[in-house]
Amino acid sequence: MSPSARLTPSPVKNSGARFVICRLHKFNVILVTHDLRESVFLADTVYVMSRSPGRFVVKREINLPRPRDLEVTYTPEFTDIVHELRGHIGAIRQPVGQGGALPQ
């Protein structure tokens, strides 16, 4: 694949295949998703964004071993990361003054 390759929307069913291609050709990909489980499974780093204007408010390194298979999604480590990220998103959604301070 060349540096001029376009990023195109991908259904979840193809995400794993695209990840394998990226690993074989050793290039970086930015995946934008609303699916926390997908982001934790595929990414080495997950960023949580704020509402408009969208800003990165949380950066979480994903230190699960590679290569990952679907069995990792049943481990406590995986679910703990998903719940942690969901907690950050929940805090962002609350209005400031009602516990909605941005996580550090």
Protein backbone atom coordinates (compact mmCIF):
# COMPACT_ATOMS: atom_id res chain seq x y z
CA MET A 1 0.00 0.00 0.00
CA SER A 2 1.25 3.44 -0.81
CA PRO A 3 1.29 6.53 1.44
CA SER A 4 -1.45 7.93 -0.77
CA ALA A 5 -3.88 5.16 0.22
CA ARG A 6 -7.22 6.59 1.22
CA LEU A 7 -8.94 5.98 4.53
CA THR A 8 -12.41 4.62 3.97
CA PRO A 9 -15.21 3.73 6.38
CA SER A 10 -15.05 0.09 7.32
CA PRO A 11 -17.78 -2.13 8.70
CA VAL A 12 -16.76 -3.77 11.98
CA LYS A 13 -16.63 -7.18 10.29
CA ASN A 14 -13.65 -6.01 8.19
CA SER A 15 -11.73 -4.23 10.96
CA GLY A 16 -9.67 -7.28 11.91
CA ALA A 17 -8.64 -7.93 8.32
CA ARG A 18 -7.56 -4.33 7.86
CA PHE A 19 -5.55 -4.51 11.07
CA VAL A 20 -3.64 -7.55 9.80
CA ILE A 21 -2.78 -5.66 6.60
CA CYS A 22 -1.48 -2.72 8.64
CA ARG A 23 0.70 -4.98 10.79
CA LEU A 24 2.21 -6.72 7.76
CA HIS A 25 3.01 -3.48 5.98
CA LYS A 26 4.03 -1.62 9.17
CA PHE A 27 2.13 1.63 8.87
CA ASN A 28 -0.07 3.57 11.25
CA VAL A 29 -3.82 3.86 11.05
CA ILE A 30 -6.23 6.21 12.75
CA LEU A 31 -9.47 4.38 13.47
CA VAL A 32 -12.44 6.50 14.51
CA THR A 33 -15.12 4.45 16.22
CA HIS A 34 -17.87 4.71 18.81
CA ASP A 35 -17.34 1.07 19.81
CA LEU A 36 -15.12 0.90 22.91
CA ARG A 37 -14.59 -2.84 22.66
CA GLU A 38 -13.45 -2.50 19.06
CA SER A 39 -11.07 0.32 19.94
CA VAL A 40 -9.48 -1.62 22.83
CA PHE A 41 -9.17 -4.78 20.71
CA LEU A 42 -7.57 -3.10 17.69
CA ALA A 43 -5.58 -0.18 19.10
CA ASP A 44 -2.30 0.27 20.91
CA THR A 45 -3.49 3.71 22.10
CA VAL A 46 -7.07 4.93 22.58
CA TYR A 47 -7.96 8.61 22.76
CA VAL A 48 -11.28 9.77 24.21
CA MET A 49 -12.62 12.98 22.71
CA SER A 50 -14.77 15.71 24.23
CA ARG A 51 -17.93 17.08 22.75
CA SER A 52 -17.84 19.91 20.28
CA PRO A 53 -15.30 21.22 19.79
CA GLY A 54 -13.76 17.77 19.73
CA ARG A 55 -10.55 17.63 21.74
CA PHE A 56 -8.54 14.73 23.07
CA VAL A 57 -9.19 14.58 26.81
CA VAL A 58 -7.94 11.09 27.71
CA LYS A 59 -5.07 9.05 26.30
CA ARG A 60 -4.98 5.36 27.29
CA GLU A 61 -2.20 3.01 26.25
CA ILE A 62 -3.50 -0.52 25.61
CA ASN A 63 -0.91 -2.94 26.96
CA LEU A 64 -2.56 -6.18 25.94
CA PRO A 65 -0.26 -8.70 24.24
CA ARG A 66 -0.14 -8.99 20.45
CA PRO A 67 -1.28 -10.68 18.36
CA ARG A 68 -4.75 -10.45 19.93
CA ASP A 69 -7.47 -12.99 19.37
CA LEU A 70 -11.10 -12.75 20.40
CA GLU A 71 -10.42 -14.65 23.63
CA VAL A 72 -8.74 -11.54 25.05
CA THR A 73 -12.16 -9.81 25.07
CA TYR A 74 -13.24 -12.18 27.86
CA THR A 75 -10.33 -11.33 30.18
CA PRO A 76 -10.63 -9.08 33.24
CA GLU A 77 -7.85 -6.85 31.88
CA PHE A 78 -9.79 -6.17 28.68
CA THR A 79 -13.09 -5.47 30.41
CA ASP A 80 -11.38 -3.25 33.00
CA ILE A 81 -9.98 -1.05 30.21
CA VAL A 82 -13.38 -0.84 28.48
CA HIS A 83 -15.07 0.11 31.78
CA GLU A 84 -12.37 2.70 32.53
CA LEU A 85 -12.89 4.36 29.15
CA ARG A 86 -16.68 4.21 29.54
CA GLY A 87 -16.27 5.97 32.91
CA HIS A 88 -14.28 8.78 31.29
CA ILE A 89 -16.96 9.22 28.64
CA GLY A 90 -19.68 9.27 31.29
CA ALA A 91 -17.82 11.99 33.21
CA ILE A 92 -17.44 14.07 30.07
CA ARG A 93 -21.17 13.87 29.33
CA GLN A 94 -22.17 15.32 32.72
CA PRO A 95 -22.47 19.11 32.90
CA VAL A 96 -19.62 20.81 34.78
CA GLY A 97 -20.70 21.35 38.38
CA GLN A 98 -22.48 17.98 38.48
CA GLY A 99 -19.38 15.81 38.53
CA GLY A 100 -18.62 16.52 34.88
CA ALA A 101 -15.07 17.75 35.27
CA LEU A 102 -12.82 16.41 32.56
CA PRO A 103 -10.65 13.50 33.70
CA GLN A 104 -6.92 14.10 33.80
